[in-house]
């Protein structure tokens, strides 16, 4: 087991992932990515707003804190209390991270989506995530690929996101 004081001198990284299928076109659900509503594209299926970016980030933070939010906690908030905004789930994960005295240095997302075209949307989504997390824009990056038809996501049936975060102990 590493020495606890030595371990706290280093940055820590974690990865999170999430994916959801699109709802049927007749479903009025709105697509939400990184807290931004995207028009002209169906929403993603899920109990919540199914924001794959915020879910992947929440899962990455849970990888640091070892306290899963998505699953039992988020399901209870969503199904029992009607809280479907993924920002609420992310806030819980961020509170767990703060309890451990860590701060986020950098967030990097990679997204696979055949639709919508993400390149023109990335600047607004980056700004939204940076604002939610209270980071500088330079600390949040998103890259995207269409998937080129190789998987269900690449054929336009949903969206998949991966997130890597780097955190460091808060100086005391």
Protein backbone atom coordinates (compact mmCIF):
# COMPACT_ATOMS: atom_id res chain seq x y z
CA UNK A 1 0.00 0.00 0.00
CA UNK A 2 1.52 3.38 -0.97
CA UNK A 3 2.40 5.85 1.76
CA UNK A 4 -0.66 8.12 2.16
CA UNK A 5 1.36 11.36 2.37
CA UNK A 6 3.38 10.44 -0.72
CA UNK A 7 0.24 9.49 -2.62
CA UNK A 8 -1.31 12.94 -1.92
CA UNK A 9 1.58 14.73 -3.63
CA UNK A 10 0.57 13.43 -7.06
CA UNK A 11 -2.24 14.12 -9.46
CA UNK A 12 -4.83 11.39 -9.84
CA UNK A 13 -6.70 10.51 -13.02
CA UNK A 14 -9.91 8.61 -13.67
CA UNK A 15 -12.05 7.73 -16.66
CA UNK A 16 -15.81 7.73 -16.99
CA UNK A 17 -18.08 6.51 -19.76
CA UNK A 18 -21.75 6.74 -20.68
CA UNK A 19 -23.94 5.99 -23.68
CA UNK A 20 -27.63 6.25 -24.53
CA UNK A 21 -29.80 5.45 -27.52
CA UNK A 22 -31.94 8.13 -29.14
CA UNK A 23 -35.65 8.19 -28.31
CA UNK A 24 -38.17 7.65 -31.09
CA UNK A 25 -38.76 10.72 -33.25
CA UNK A 26 -42.33 10.97 -31.91
CA UNK A 27 -40.95 11.45 -28.36
CA UNK A 28 -40.69 15.19 -27.52
CA UNK A 29 -37.61 14.69 -25.29
CA UNK A 30 -34.90 17.28 -25.98
CA UNK A 31 -31.25 16.34 -26.52
CA UNK A 32 -29.00 17.70 -23.77
CA UNK A 33 -25.20 17.58 -24.03
CA UNK A 34 -23.01 19.16 -21.38
CA UNK A 35 -26.01 21.05 -20.04
CA UNK A 36 -26.83 22.54 -23.47
CA UNK A 37 -30.14 21.83 -25.18
CA UNK A 38 -29.59 20.80 -28.81
CA UNK A 39 -32.43 21.41 -31.26
CA UNK A 40 -33.22 19.40 -34.39
CA UNK A 41 -32.11 16.08 -32.93
CA UNK A 42 -34.06 13.61 -30.79
CA UNK A 43 -33.27 13.34 -27.11
CA UNK A 44 -31.56 10.37 -25.52
CA UNK A 45 -33.44 7.56 -23.81
CA UNK A 46 -33.06 7.37 -20.06
CA UNK A 47 -34.84 8.13 -16.81
CA UNK A 48 -33.02 11.48 -16.56
CA UNK A 49 -32.16 14.00 -19.28
CA UNK A 50 -29.57 11.34 -20.34
CA UNK A 51 -26.80 13.92 -20.76
CA UNK A 52 -24.00 11.53 -21.74
CA UNK A 53 -21.27 14.15 -21.18
CA UNK A 54 -22.30 15.01 -17.63
CA UNK A 55 -22.88 11.33 -16.90
CA UNK A 56 -19.40 10.39 -18.14
CA UNK A 57 -17.93 13.21 -16.03
CA UNK A 58 -19.92 12.11 -12.98
CA UNK A 59 -18.63 8.56 -13.48
CA UNK A 60 -15.05 9.82 -13.81
CA UNK A 61 -15.36 11.72 -10.53
CA UNK A 62 -16.81 8.57 -8.92
CA UNK A 63 -13.65 6.83 -10.14
CA UNK A 64 -11.66 9.18 -7.89
CA UNK A 65 -14.01 9.22 -4.88
CA UNK A 66 -15.07 5.56 -5.05
CA UNK A 67 -18.64 6.76 -4.41
CA UNK A 68 -20.92 5.93 -7.36
CA UNK A 69 -23.66 8.49 -8.02
CA UNK A 70 -25.18 7.12 -11.21
CA UNK A 71 -27.20 4.06 -10.47
CA UNK A 72 -28.88 3.84 -7.07
CA UNK A 73 -28.48 7.49 -5.96
CA UNK A 74 -29.38 9.07 -9.32
CA UNK A 75 -32.20 6.57 -9.85
CA UNK A 76 -33.68 7.46 -6.47
CA UNK A 77 -33.47 11.19 -7.22
CA UNK A 78 -34.98 10.67 -10.64
CA UNK A 79 -37.62 8.05 -10.03
CA UNK A 80 -38.64 8.93 -6.46
CA UNK A 81 -38.18 12.70 -6.53
CA UNK A 82 -38.52 13.61 -10.23
CA UNK A 83 -35.04 15.16 -10.45
CA UNK A 84 -33.96 14.53 -14.05
CA UNK A 85 -31.32 17.27 -14.46
CA UNK A 86 -27.90 15.60 -14.69
CA UNK A 87 -26.28 18.71 -13.22
CA UNK A 88 -27.77 17.68 -9.86
CA UNK A 89 -26.05 14.27 -10.05
CA UNK A 90 -22.79 15.96 -11.03
CA UNK A 91 -23.07 18.35 -8.06
CA UNK A 92 -23.27 15.35 -5.72
CA UNK A 93 -20.11 13.87 -7.25
CA UNK A 94 -18.34 17.24 -7.00
CA UNK A 95 -19.30 17.48 -3.31
CA UNK A 96 -17.76 14.04 -2.72
CA UNK A 97 -14.58 15.21 -4.49
CA UNK A 98 -14.45 18.37 -2.35
CA UNK A 99 -14.88 16.25 0.79
CA UNK A 100 -11.65 14.49 -0.20
CA UNK A 101 -9.94 17.90 -0.69
CA UNK A 102 -9.31 17.40 -4.41
CA UNK A 103 -9.72 19.91 -7.19
CA UNK A 104 -10.06 19.24 -10.91
CA UNK A 105 -7.13 20.29 -13.07
CA UNK A 106 -8.41 19.18 -16.45
CA UNK A 107 -11.34 17.44 -18.09
CA UNK A 108 -11.08 15.78 -21.50
CA UNK A 109 -14.04 14.25 -23.32
CA UNK A 110 -14.18 12.22 -26.47
CA UNK A 111 -17.61 11.71 -27.97
CA UNK A 112 -18.84 9.36 -30.67
CA UNK A 113 -21.96 10.57 -32.43
CA UNK A 114 -23.09 10.26 -36.02
CA UNK A 115 -25.68 12.91 -35.24
CA UNK A 116 -25.88 15.74 -34.48
CA UNK A 117 -22.77 17.22 -36.06
CA UNK A 118 -20.82 18.11 -32.93
CA UNK A 119 -17.98 20.29 -34.27
CA UNK A 120 -20.06 23.50 -34.43
CA UNK A 121 -21.59 22.75 -31.01
CA UNK A 122 -18.36 22.06 -29.13
CA UNK A 123 -17.49 25.68 -28.20
CA UNK A 124 -20.87 26.26 -26.50
CA UNK A 125 -20.79 22.87 -24.76
CA UNK A 126 -17.23 23.48 -23.48
CA UNK A 127 -18.31 26.85 -22.07
CA UNK A 128 -21.31 25.26 -20.38
CA UNK A 129 -19.25 22.52 -18.73
CA UNK A 130 -16.54 24.97 -17.65
CA UNK A 131 -19.22 27.17 -16.07
CA UNK A 132 -20.93 24.25 -14.30
CA UNK A 133 -17.60 23.02 -12.86
CA UNK A 134 -16.22 26.54 -12.30
CA UNK A 135 -13.12 25.94 -14.42
CA UNK A 136 -11.40 28.02 -17.08
CA UNK A 137 -12.32 27.12 -20.63
CA UNK A 138 -8.73 25.91 -21.22
CA UNK A 139 -9.31 23.20 -18.60
CA UNK A 140 -12.15 21.56 -20.55
CA UNK A 141 -11.71 19.88 -23.94
CA UNK A 142 -14.05 17.90 -26.17
CA UNK A 143 -13.08 15.92 -29.24
CA UNK A 144 -15.62 14.11 -31.38
CA UNK A 145 -15.85 11.45 -34.02
CA UNK A 146 -18.75 10.24 -36.14
CA UNK A 147 -17.94 6.58 -35.62
CA UNK A 148 -17.99 6.07 -39.41
CA UNK A 149 -20.81 3.54 -39.26
CA UNK A 150 -18.78 0.91 -37.40
CA UNK A 151 -21.07 0.53 -34.35
CA UNK A 152 -24.69 1.26 -33.42
CA UNK A 153 -23.53 4.70 -32.28
CA UNK A 154 -21.60 5.20 -35.52
CA UNK A 155 -24.79 4.34 -37.41
CA UNK A 156 -26.66 7.14 -35.63
CA UNK A 157 -28.59 5.12 -33.04
CA UNK A 158 -27.20 6.97 -30.00
CA UNK A 159 -24.29 8.86 -28.48
CA UNK A 160 -21.34 7.59 -26.43
CA UNK A 161 -18.96 9.70 -24.35
CA UNK A 162 -15.74 9.04 -22.48
CA UNK A 163 -14.27 11.48 -19.96
CA UNK A 164 -10.83 11.59 -18.37
CA UNK A 165 -10.24 13.90 -15.41
CA UNK A 166 -7.07 14.90 -13.61
CA UNK A 167 -7.32 16.05 -10.02
CA UNK A 168 -4.82 17.20 -7.39
CA UNK A 169 -5.05 17.70 -3.65
CA UNK A 170 -6.09 21.20 -2.62
CA UNK A 171 -3.16 22.98 -1.02
CA UNK A 172 -3.78 23.53 2.67
